[in-house]
């Protein structure tokens, strides 16, 4: 088990001290960078929108991306299963033909 470390991150204009592991720290920092970039993009496009509303809009945008990726992964798994089934059928036909 990895030892816990504390990381201090500036996320959407606020400082957060978060506990993580050394292995997960780079992903947490990358996630914070992505969140900040998306927030700045929304801030640039909607400069008059309240901070809290922008945060919610960013969260919704990320959730939509996650849903699309999840759907793609499910489709990939279905294709993988079908291909595996087809390969098994081909192998069985090849063995009976030999």
PDB file of N, CA and C in Angstrom:
ATOM      1  N   UNK A   1       0.848  -1.175   0.000  1.00  0.00           N
ATOM      2  CA  UNK A   1       0.000   0.000   0.000  1.00  0.00           C
ATOM      3  C   UNK A   1       0.896   1.241   0.000  1.00  0.00           C
ATOM      4  N   UNK A   2       0.476   2.227  -0.731  1.00  0.00           N
ATOM      5  CA  UNK A   2       1.272   3.431  -0.882  1.00  0.00           C
ATOM      6  C   UNK A   2       1.005   4.414   0.259  1.00  0.00           C
ATOM      7  N   UNK A   3       2.042   5.126   0.609  1.00  0.00           N
ATOM      8  CA  UNK A   3       1.935   6.091   1.700  1.00  0.00           C
ATOM      9  C   UNK A   3       1.193   7.342   1.231  1.00  0.00           C
ATOM     10  N   UNK A   4       0.346   7.876   2.074  1.00  0.00           N
ATOM     11  CA  UNK A   4      -0.432   9.073   1.756  1.00  0.00           C
ATOM     12  C   UNK A   4       0.472  10.300   1.733  1.00  0.00           C
ATOM     13  N   UNK A   5       0.205  11.171   0.766  1.00  0.00           N
ATOM     14  CA  UNK A   5       0.901  12.448   0.669  1.00  0.00           C
ATOM     15  C   UNK A   5      -0.151  13.543   0.539  1.00  0.00           C
ATOM     16  N   UNK A   6       0.207  14.744   0.921  1.00  0.00           N
ATOM     17  CA  UNK A   6      -0.692  15.884   0.788  1.00  0.00           C
ATOM     18  C   UNK A   6      -0.203  16.738  -0.365  1.00  0.00           C
ATOM     19  N   UNK A   7      -1.115  17.136  -1.207  1.00  0.00           N
ATOM     20  CA  UNK A   7      -0.780  17.999  -2.333  1.00  0.00           C
ATOM     21  C   UNK A   7      -1.654  19.246  -2.245  1.00  0.00           C
ATOM     22  N   UNK A   8      -1.055  20.380  -2.527  1.00  0.00           N
ATOM     23  CA  UNK A   8      -1.788  21.640  -2.508  1.00  0.00           C
ATOM     24  C   UNK A   8      -1.989  22.079  -3.953  1.00  0.00           C
ATOM     25  N   UNK A   9      -3.238  22.245  -4.325  1.00  0.00           N
ATOM     26  CA  UNK A   9      -3.568  22.593  -5.705  1.00  0.00           C
ATOM     27  C   UNK A   9      -4.441  23.834  -5.749  1.00  0.00           C
ATOM     28  N   UNK A  10      -4.205  24.650  -6.772  1.00  0.00           N
ATOM     29  CA  UNK A  10      -5.084  25.791  -7.035  1.00  0.00           C
ATOM     30  C   UNK A  10      -6.071  25.327  -8.097  1.00  0.00           C
ATOM     31  N   UNK A  11      -7.333  25.227  -7.690  1.00  0.00           N
ATOM     32  CA  UNK A  11      -8.376  24.728  -8.580  1.00  0.00           C
ATOM     33  C   UNK A  11      -9.495  25.753  -8.644  1.00  0.00           C
ATOM     34  N   UNK A  12      -9.850  26.149  -9.847  1.00  0.00           N
ATOM     35  CA  UNK A  12     -10.863  27.175 -10.127  1.00  0.00           C
ATOM     36  C   UNK A  12     -10.800  28.324  -9.122  1.00  0.00           C
ATOM     37  N   UNK A  13      -9.612  28.897  -9.046  1.00  0.00           N
ATOM     38  CA  UNK A  13      -9.355  30.116  -8.268  1.00  0.00           C
ATOM     39  C   UNK A  13      -9.430  29.917  -6.758  1.00  0.00           C
ATOM     40  N   UNK A  14      -9.291  28.680  -6.300  1.00  0.00           N
ATOM     41  CA  UNK A  14      -9.264  28.401  -4.863  1.00  0.00           C
ATOM     42  C   UNK A  14      -8.159  27.394  -4.574  1.00  0.00           C
ATOM     43  N   UNK A  15      -7.604  27.465  -3.359  1.00  0.00           N
ATOM     44  CA  UNK A  15      -6.549  26.539  -2.943  1.00  0.00           C
ATOM     45  C   UNK A  15      -7.171  25.366  -2.195  1.00  0.00           C
ATOM     46  N   UNK A  16      -6.756  24.154  -2.589  1.00  0.00           N
ATOM     47  CA  UNK A  16      -7.217  22.933  -1.930  1.00  0.00           C
ATOM     48  C   UNK A  16      -6.009  22.123  -1.484  1.00  0.00           C
ATOM     49  N   UNK A  17      -6.071  21.614  -0.259  1.00  0.00           N
ATOM     50  CA  UNK A  17      -5.065  20.669   0.241  1.00  0.00           C
ATOM     51  C   UNK A  17      -5.741  19.304   0.254  1.00  0.00           C
ATOM     52  N   UNK A  18      -5.215  18.408  -0.579  1.00  0.00           N
ATOM     53  CA  UNK A  18      -5.842  17.109  -0.759  1.00  0.00           C
ATOM     54  C   UNK A  18      -4.870  15.992  -0.408  1.00  0.00           C
ATOM     55  N   UNK A  19      -5.414  14.924   0.121  1.00  0.00           N
ATOM     56  CA  UNK A  19      -4.623  13.745   0.436  1.00  0.00           C
ATOM     57  C   UNK A  19      -4.728  12.763  -0.726  1.00  0.00           C
ATOM     58  N   UNK A  20      -3.608  12.198  -1.115  1.00  0.00           N
ATOM     59  CA  UNK A  20      -3.554  11.218  -2.191  1.00  0.00           C
ATOM     60  C   UNK A  20      -2.354  10.310  -1.955  1.00  0.00           C
ATOM     61  N   UNK A  21      -2.033   9.467  -2.914  1.00  0.00           N
ATOM     62  CA  UNK A  21      -0.824   8.654  -2.825  1.00  0.00           C
ATOM     63  C   UNK A  21       0.199   9.202  -3.810  1.00  0.00           C
ATOM     64  N   UNK A  22       1.430   8.831  -3.632  1.00  0.00           N
ATOM     65  CA  UNK A  22       2.498   9.290  -4.527  1.00  0.00           C
ATOM     66  C   UNK A  22       2.213   8.843  -5.967  1.00  0.00           C
ATOM     67  N   UNK A  23       1.661   7.629  -6.118  1.00  0.00           N
ATOM     68  CA  UNK A  23       1.365   7.110  -7.450  1.00  0.00           C
ATOM     69  C   UNK A  23       0.236   7.888  -8.132  1.00  0.00           C
ATOM     70  N   UNK A  24      -0.754   8.323  -7.348  1.00  0.00           N
ATOM     71  CA  UNK A  24      -1.916   9.015  -7.908  1.00  0.00           C
ATOM     72  C   UNK A  24      -1.721  10.526  -8.008  1.00  0.00           C
ATOM     73  N   UNK A  25      -0.675  11.045  -7.400  1.00  0.00           N
ATOM     74  CA  UNK A  25      -0.441  12.492  -7.378  1.00  0.00           C
ATOM     75  C   UNK A  25      -0.360  13.095  -8.782  1.00  0.00           C
ATOM     76  N   UNK A  26       0.393  12.499  -9.731  1.00  0.00           N
ATOM     77  CA  UNK A  26       0.447  13.110 -11.072  1.00  0.00           C
ATOM     78  C   UNK A  26      -0.918  13.182 -11.762  1.00  0.00           C
ATOM     79  N   UNK A  27      -1.755  12.149 -11.575  1.00  0.00           N
ATOM     80  CA  UNK A  27      -3.079  12.174 -12.186  1.00  0.00           C
ATOM     81  C   UNK A  27      -3.960  13.243 -11.546  1.00  0.00           C
ATOM     82  N   UNK A  28      -3.830  13.419 -10.242  1.00  0.00           N
ATOM     83  CA  UNK A  28      -4.602  14.445  -9.539  1.00  0.00           C
ATOM     84  C   UNK A  28      -4.182  15.828 -10.026  1.00  0.00           C
ATOM     85  N   UNK A  29      -2.878  16.038 -10.191  1.00  0.00           N
ATOM     86  CA  UNK A  29      -2.382  17.323 -10.687  1.00  0.00           C
ATOM     87  C   UNK A  29      -2.844  17.564 -12.126  1.00  0.00           C
ATOM     88  N   UNK A  30      -2.825  16.510 -12.936  1.00  0.00           N
ATOM     89  CA  UNK A  30      -3.299  16.642 -14.312  1.00  0.00           C
ATOM     90  C   UNK A  30      -4.791  16.945 -14.349  1.00  0.00           C
ATOM     91  N   UNK A  31      -5.558  16.289 -13.488  1.00  0.00           N
ATOM     92  CA  UNK A  31      -7.003  16.547 -13.415  1.00  0.00           C
ATOM     93  C   UNK A  31      -7.260  17.999 -13.041  1.00  0.00           C
ATOM     94  N   UNK A  32      -6.492  18.523 -12.089  1.00  0.00           N
ATOM     95  CA  UNK A  32      -6.642  19.926 -11.683  1.00  0.00           C
ATOM     96  C   UNK A  32      -6.311  20.864 -12.839  1.00  0.00           C
ATOM     97  N   UNK A  33      -5.273  20.550 -13.594  1.00  0.00           N
ATOM     98  CA  UNK A  33      -4.902  21.373 -14.746  1.00  0.00           C
ATOM     99  C   UNK A  33      -6.007  21.365 -15.803  1.00  0.00           C
ATOM    100  N   UNK A  34      -6.578  20.180 -16.043  1.00  0.00           N
ATOM    101  CA  UNK A  34      -7.673  20.079 -17.018  1.00  0.00           C
ATOM    102  C   UNK A  34      -8.891  20.869 -16.557  1.00  0.00           C
ATOM    103  N   UNK A  35      -9.202  20.762 -15.282  1.00  0.00           N
ATOM    104  CA  UNK A  35     -10.344  21.491 -14.716  1.00  0.00           C
ATOM    105  C   UNK A  35     -10.124  22.996 -14.826  1.00  0.00           C
ATOM    106  N   UNK A  36      -8.916  23.446 -14.487  1.00  0.00           N
ATOM    107  CA  UNK A  36      -8.599  24.873 -14.588  1.00  0.00           C
ATOM    108  C   UNK A  36      -8.681  25.367 -16.029  1.00  0.00           C
ATOM    109  N   UNK A  37      -8.170  24.575 -16.974  1.00  0.00           N
ATOM    110  CA  UNK A  37      -8.201  24.980 -18.384  1.00  0.00           C
ATOM    111  C   UNK A  37      -9.645  25.089 -18.870  1.00  0.00           C
ATOM    112  N   UNK A  38     -10.463  24.108 -18.509  1.00  0.00           N
ATOM    113  CA  UNK A  38     -11.870  24.122 -18.921  1.00  0.00           C
ATOM    114  C   UNK A  38     -12.594  25.315 -18.279  1.00  0.00           C
ATOM    115  N   UNK A  39     -12.300  25.581 -17.008  1.00  0.00           N
ATOM    116  CA  UNK A  39     -12.914  26.706 -16.313  1.00  0.00           C
ATOM    117  C   UNK A  39     -12.537  28.021 -17.004  1.00  0.00           C
ATOM    118  N   UNK A  40     -11.252  28.180 -17.354  1.00  0.00           N
ATOM    119  CA  UNK A  40     -10.803  29.411 -18.013  1.00  0.00           C
ATOM    120  C   UNK A  40     -11.459  29.576 -19.385  1.00  0.00           C
ATOM    121  N   UNK A  41     -11.649  28.453 -20.090  1.00  0.00           N
ATOM    122  CA  UNK A  41     -12.332  28.480 -21.388  1.00  0.00           C
ATOM    123  C   UNK A  41     -13.772  28.970 -21.215  1.00  0.00           C
ATOM    124  N   UNK A  42     -14.455  28.443 -20.197  1.00  0.00           N
ATOM    125  CA  UNK A  42     -15.834  28.866 -19.935  1.00  0.00           C
ATOM    126  C   UNK A  42     -15.859  30.318 -19.470  1.00  0.00           C
ATOM    127  N   UNK A  43     -14.891  30.711 -18.633  1.00  0.00           N
ATOM    128  CA  UNK A  43     -14.815  32.097 -18.140  1.00  0.00           C
ATOM    129  C   UNK A  43     -14.621  33.056 -19.317  1.00  0.00           C
ATOM    130  N   UNK A  44     -13.769  32.685 -20.267  1.00  0.00           N
ATOM    131  CA  UNK A  44     -13.502  33.524 -21.439  1.00  0.00           C
ATOM    132  C   UNK A  44     -14.756  33.677 -22.291  1.00  0.00           C
ATOM    133  N   UNK A  45     -15.497  32.563 -22.463  1.00  0.00           N
ATOM    134  CA  UNK A  45     -16.694  32.591 -23.301  1.00  0.00           C
ATOM    135  C   UNK A  45     -17.909  33.207 -22.611  1.00  0.00           C
ATOM    136  N   UNK A  46     -17.904  33.208 -21.281  1.00  0.00           N
ATOM    137  CA  UNK A  46     -19.039  33.750 -20.516  1.00  0.00           C
ATOM    138  C   UNK A  46     -18.518  34.582 -19.347  1.00  0.00           C
ATOM    139  N   UNK A  47     -17.922  35.724 -19.622  1.00  0.00           N
ATOM    140  CA  UNK A  47     -17.266  36.496 -18.556  1.00  0.00           C
ATOM    141  C   UNK A  47     -18.203  37.050 -17.479  1.00  0.00           C
ATOM    142  N   UNK A  48     -19.487  37.144 -17.788  1.00  0.00           N
ATOM    143  CA  UNK A  48     -20.418  37.739 -16.818  1.00  0.00           C
ATOM    144  C   UNK A  48     -21.147  36.700 -15.960  1.00  0.00           C
ATOM    145  N   UNK A  49     -20.921  35.434 -16.239  1.00  0.00           N
ATOM    146  CA  UNK A  49     -21.604  34.380 -15.478  1.00  0.00           C
ATOM    147  C   UNK A  49     -20.943  34.244 -14.109  1.00  0.00           C
ATOM    148  N   UNK A  50     -21.756  34.026 -13.088  1.00  0.00           N
ATOM    149  CA  UNK A  50     -21.255  33.875 -11.715  1.00  0.00           C
ATOM    150  C   UNK A  50     -20.295  32.692 -11.613  1.00  0.00           C
ATOM    151  N   UNK A  51     -19.342  32.827 -10.700  1.00  0.00           N
ATOM    152  CA  UNK A  51     -18.322  31.800 -10.472  1.00  0.00           C
ATOM    153  C   UNK A  51     -18.946  30.426 -10.223  1.00  0.00           C
ATOM    154  N   UNK A  52     -19.895  30.343  -9.298  1.00  0.00           N
ATOM    155  CA  UNK A  52     -20.508  29.058  -8.955  1.00  0.00           C
ATOM    156  C   UNK A  52     -21.236  28.429 -10.135  1.00  0.00           C
ATOM    157  N   UNK A  53     -21.889  29.252 -10.936  1.00  0.00           N
ATOM    158  CA  UNK A  53     -22.586  28.731 -12.111  1.00  0.00           C
ATOM    159  C   UNK A  53     -21.587  28.187 -13.134  1.00  0.00           C
ATOM    160  N   UNK A  54     -20.462  28.888 -13.279  1.00  0.00           N
ATOM    161  CA  UNK A  54     -19.424  28.415 -14.196  1.00  0.00           C
ATOM    162  C   UNK A  54     -18.880  27.061 -13.754  1.00  0.00           C
ATOM    163  N   UNK A  55     -18.669  26.903 -12.460  1.00  0.00           N
ATOM    164  CA  UNK A  55     -18.175  25.636 -11.928  1.00  0.00           C
ATOM    165  C   UNK A  55     -19.148  24.504 -12.259  1.00  0.00           C
ATOM    166  N   UNK A  56     -20.432  24.767 -12.097  1.00  0.00           N
ATOM    167  CA  UNK A  56     -21.449  23.757 -12.414  1.00  0.00           C
ATOM    168  C   UNK A  56     -21.474  23.463 -13.911  1.00  0.00           C
ATOM    169  N   UNK A  57     -21.347  24.492 -14.730  1.00  0.00           N
ATOM    170  CA  UNK A  57     -21.320  24.294 -16.176  1.00  0.00           C
ATOM    171  C   UNK A  57     -20.123  23.432 -16.585  1.00  0.00           C
ATOM    172  N   UNK A  58     -18.975  23.682 -15.975  1.00  0.00           N
ATOM    173  CA  UNK A  58     -17.774  22.884 -16.257  1.00  0.00           C
ATOM    174  C   UNK A  58     -17.991  21.438 -15.825  1.00  0.00           C
ATOM    175  N   UNK A  59     -18.559  21.249 -14.640  1.00  0.00           N
ATOM    176  CA  UNK A  59     -18.815  19.899 -14.147  1.00  0.00           C
ATOM    177  C   UNK A  59     -19.755  19.152 -15.094  1.00  0.00           C
ATOM    178  N   UNK A  60     -20.800  19.823 -15.554  1.00  0.00           N
ATOM    179  CA  UNK A  60     -21.735  19.203 -16.494  1.00  0.00           C
ATOM    180  C   UNK A  60     -21.047  18.844 -17.809  1.00  0.00           C
ATOM    181  N   UNK A  61     -20.184  19.719 -18.288  1.00  0.00           N
ATOM    182  CA  UNK A  61     -19.457  19.453 -19.527  1.00  0.00           C
ATOM    183  C   UNK A  61     -18.579  18.214 -19.380  1.00  0.00           C
ATOM    184  N   UNK A  62     -17.864  18.119 -18.256  1.00  0.00           N
ATOM    185  CA  UNK A  62     -17.028  16.937 -18.014  1.00  0.00           C
ATOM    186  C   UNK A  62     -17.879  15.678 -17.892  1.00  0.00           C
ATOM    187  N   UNK A  63     -19.019  15.780 -17.242  1.00  0.00           N
ATOM    188  CA  UNK A  63     -19.887  14.612 -17.096  1.00  0.00           C
ATOM    189  C   UNK A  63     -20.417  14.155 -18.454  1.00  0.00           C
ATOM    190  N   UNK A  64     -20.734  15.088 -19.324  1.00  0.00           N
ATOM    191  CA  UNK A  64     -21.164  14.710 -20.672  1.00  0.00           C
ATOM    192  C   UNK A  64     -20.049  13.956 -21.389  1.00  0.00           C
ATOM    193  N   UNK A  65     -18.817  14.432 -21.260  1.00  0.00           N
ATOM    194  CA  UNK A  65     -17.675  13.748 -21.873  1.00  0.00           C
ATOM    195  C   UNK A  65     -17.527  12.333 -21.313  1.00  0.00           C
ATOM    196  N   UNK A  66     -17.697  12.186 -20.007  1.00  0.00           N
ATOM    197  CA  UNK A  66     -17.588  10.876 -19.368  1.00  0.00           C
ATOM    198  C   UNK A  66     -18.668   9.937 -19.891  1.00  0.00           C
ATOM    199  N   UNK A  67     -19.892  10.437 -20.031  1.00  0.00           N
ATOM    200  CA  UNK A  67     -20.988   9.611 -20.542  1.00  0.00           C
ATOM    201  C   UNK A  67     -20.716   9.147 -21.972  1.00  0.00           C
ATOM    202  N   UNK A  68     -20.186  10.035 -22.797  1.00  0.00           N
ATOM    203  CA  UNK A  68     -19.851   9.667 -24.181  1.00  0.00           C
ATOM    204  C   UNK A  68     -18.752   8.611 -24.188  1.00  0.00           C
ATOM    205  N   UNK A  69     -17.725   8.808 -23.374  1.00  0.00           N
ATOM    206  CA  UNK A  69     -16.633   7.827 -23.299  1.00  0.00           C
ATOM    207  C   UNK A  69     -17.135   6.490 -22.778  1.00  0.00           C
ATOM    208  N   UNK A  70     -18.004   6.516 -21.778  1.00  0.00           N
ATOM    209  CA  UNK A  70     -18.556   5.282 -21.224  1.00  0.00           C
ATOM    210  C   UNK A  70     -19.355   4.532 -22.287  1.00  0.00           C
ATOM    211  N   UNK A  71     -20.147   5.264 -23.049  1.00  0.00           N
ATOM    212  CA  UNK A  71     -20.930   4.637 -24.117  1.00  0.00           C
ATOM    213  C   UNK A  71     -20.000   4.025 -25.161  1.00  0.00           C
ATOM    214  N   UNK A  72     -18.919   4.718 -25.491  1.00  0.00           N
ATOM    215  CA  UNK A  72     -17.941   4.191 -26.449  1.00  0.00           C
ATOM    216  C   UNK A  72     -17.282   2.927 -25.919  1.00  0.00           C
ATOM    217  N   UNK A  73     -16.948   2.924 -24.634  1.00  0.00           N
ATOM    218  CA  UNK A  73     -16.348   1.735 -24.032  1.00  0.00           C
ATOM    219  C   UNK A  73     -17.308   0.558 -24.046  1.00  0.00           C
ATOM    220  N   UNK A  74     -18.571   0.808 -23.771  1.00  0.00           N
ATOM    221  CA  UNK A  74     -19.564  -0.263 -23.808  1.00  0.00           C
ATOM    222  C   UNK A  74     -19.689  -0.821 -25.222  1.00  0.00           C
ATOM    223  N   UNK A  75     -19.676   0.062 -26.208  1.00  0.00           N
ATOM    224  CA  UNK A  75     -19.752  -0.370 -27.597  1.00  0.00           C
ATOM    225  C   UNK A  75     -18.510  -1.193 -27.953  1.00  0.00           C
ATOM    226  N   UNK A  76     -17.348  -0.745 -27.493  1.00  0.00           N
ATOM    227  CA  UNK A  76     -16.104  -1.465 -27.731  1.00  0.00           C
ATOM    228  C   UNK A  76     -16.178  -2.866 -27.132  1.00  0.00           C
ATOM    229  N   UNK A  77     -16.686  -2.985 -25.910  1.00  0.00           N
ATOM    230  CA  UNK A  77     -16.788  -4.293 -25.251  1.00  0.00           C
ATOM    231  C   UNK A  77     -17.731  -5.216 -26.014  1.00  0.00           C
ATOM    232  N   UNK A  78     -18.827  -4.676 -26.540  1.00  0.00           N
ATOM    233  CA  UNK A  78     -19.754  -5.479 -27.335  1.00  0.00           C
ATOM    234  C   UNK A  78     -19.069  -5.979 -28.606  1.00  0.00           C
ATOM    235  N   UNK A  79     -18.323  -5.106 -29.263  1.00  0.00           N
ATOM    236  CA  UNK A  79     -17.595  -5.492 -30.477  1.00  0.00           C
ATOM    237  C   UNK A  79     -16.544  -6.548 -30.164  1.00  0.00           C
ATOM    238  N   UNK A  80     -15.856  -6.371 -29.058  1.00  0.00           N
ATOM    239  CA  UNK A  80     -14.837  -7.331 -28.639  1.00  0.00           C
ATOM    240  C   UNK A  80     -15.462  -8.703 -28.408  1.00  0.00           C
ATOM    241  N   UNK A  81     -16.620  -8.735 -27.757  1.00  0.00           N
ATOM    242  CA  UNK A  81     -17.320  -9.995 -27.499  1.00  0.00           C
ATOM    243  C   UNK A  81     -17.743 -10.652 -28.812  1.00  0.00           C
ATOM    244  N   UNK A  82     -18.303  -9.865 -29.733  1.00  0.00           N
ATOM    245  CA  UNK A  82     -18.734 -10.408 -31.020  1.00  0.00           C
ATOM    246  C   UNK A  82     -17.561 -10.966 -31.812  1.00  0.00           C
ATOM    247  N   UNK A  83     -16.451 -10.235 -31.843  1.00  0.00           N
ATOM    248  CA  UNK A  83     -15.263 -10.712 -32.559  1.00  0.00           C
ATOM    249  C   UNK A  83     -14.721 -11.996 -31.942  1.00  0.00           C
ATOM    250  N   UNK A  84     -14.723 -12.048 -30.635  1.00  0.00           N
ATOM    251  CA  UNK A  84     -14.264 -13.251 -29.953  1.00  0.00           C
ATOM    252  C   UNK A  84     -15.153 -14.438 -30.311  1.00  0.00           C
ATOM    253  N   UNK A  85     -16.447 -14.227 -30.340  1.00  0.00           N
ATOM    254  CA  UNK A  85     -17.401 -15.273 -30.689  1.00  0.00           C
ATOM    255  C   UNK A  85     -17.198 -15.736 -32.131  1.00  0.00           C
ATOM    256  N   UNK A  86     -17.002 -14.793 -33.034  1.00  0.00           N
ATOM    257  CA  UNK A  86     -16.755 -15.128 -34.439  1.00  0.00           C
ATOM    258  C   UNK A  86     -15.474 -15.937 -34.587  1.00  0.00           C
ATOM    259  N   UNK A  87     -14.412 -15.522 -33.894  1.00  0.00           N
ATOM    260  CA  UNK A  87     -13.144 -16.259 -33.953  1.00  0.00           C
ATOM    261  C   UNK A  87     -13.293 -17.676 -33.422  1.00  0.00           C
ATOM    262  N   UNK A  88     -14.051 -17.839 -32.359  1.00  0.00           N
ATOM    263  CA  UNK A  88     -14.289 -19.177 -31.816  1.00  0.00           C
ATOM    264  C   UNK A  88     -15.040 -20.039 -32.822  1.00  0.00           C
ATOM    265  N   UNK A  89     -16.032 -19.457 -33.487  1.00  0.00           N
ATOM    266  CA  UNK A  89     -16.782 -20.196 -34.503  1.00  0.00           C
ATOM    267  C   UNK A  89     -15.870 -20.604 -35.662  1.00  0.00           C
ATOM    268  N   UNK A  90     -15.005 -19.695 -36.083  1.00  0.00           N
ATOM    269  CA  UNK A  90     -14.082 -19.992 -37.178  1.00  0.00           C
ATOM    270  C   UNK A  90     -13.125 -21.105 -36.769  1.00  0.00           C
ATOM    271  N   UNK A  91     -12.589 -21.022 -35.561  1.00  0.00           N
ATOM    272  CA  UNK A  91     -11.684 -22.058 -35.077  1.00  0.00           C
ATOM    273  C   UNK A  91     -12.387 -23.406 -34.994  1.00  0.00           C
ATOM    274  N   UNK A  92     -13.626 -23.412 -34.526  1.00  0.00           N
ATOM    275  CA  UNK A  92     -14.386 -24.665 -34.428  1.00  0.00           C
ATOM    276  C   UNK A  92     -14.648 -25.232 -35.815  1.00  0.00           C
ATOM    277  N   UNK A  93     -14.997 -24.380 -36.783  1.00  0.00           N
ATOM    278  CA  UNK A  93     -15.221 -24.838 -38.163  1.00  0.00           C
ATOM    279  C   UNK A  93     -13.939 -25.378 -38.775  1.00  0.00           C
ATOM    280  N   UNK A  94     -12.826 -24.725 -38.485  1.00  0.00           N
ATOM    281  CA  UNK A  94     -11.530 -25.163 -39.019  1.00  0.00           C
ATOM    282  C   UNK A  94     -11.150 -26.527 -38.470  1.00  0.00           C
ATOM    283  N   UNK A  95     -11.406 -26.740 -37.185  1.00  0.00           N
ATOM    284  CA  UNK A  95     -11.072 -28.022 -36.549  1.00  0.00           C
ATOM    285  C   UNK A  95     -11.943 -29.155 -37.090  1.00  0.00           C
ATOM    286  N   UNK A  96     -13.203 -28.875 -37.350  1.00  0.00           N
ATOM    287  CA  UNK A  96     -14.090 -29.932 -37.856  1.00  0.00           C
ATOM    288  C   UNK A  96     -13.814 -30.205 -39.343  1.00  0.00           C
ATOM    289  N   UNK A  97     -13.301 -29.216 -40.061  1.00  0.00           N
ATOM    290  CA  UNK A  97     -12.973 -29.407 -41.488  1.00  0.00           C
ATOM    291  C   UNK A  97     -11.682 -30.185 -41.664  1.00  0.00           C
ATOM    292  N   UNK A  98     -10.821 -30.165 -40.666  1.00  0.00           N
ATOM    293  CA  UNK A  98      -9.505 -30.829 -40.794  1.00  0.00           C
ATOM    294  C   UNK A  98      -9.568 -32.303 -40.664  1.00  0.00           C
TER     295      UNK A  98
END
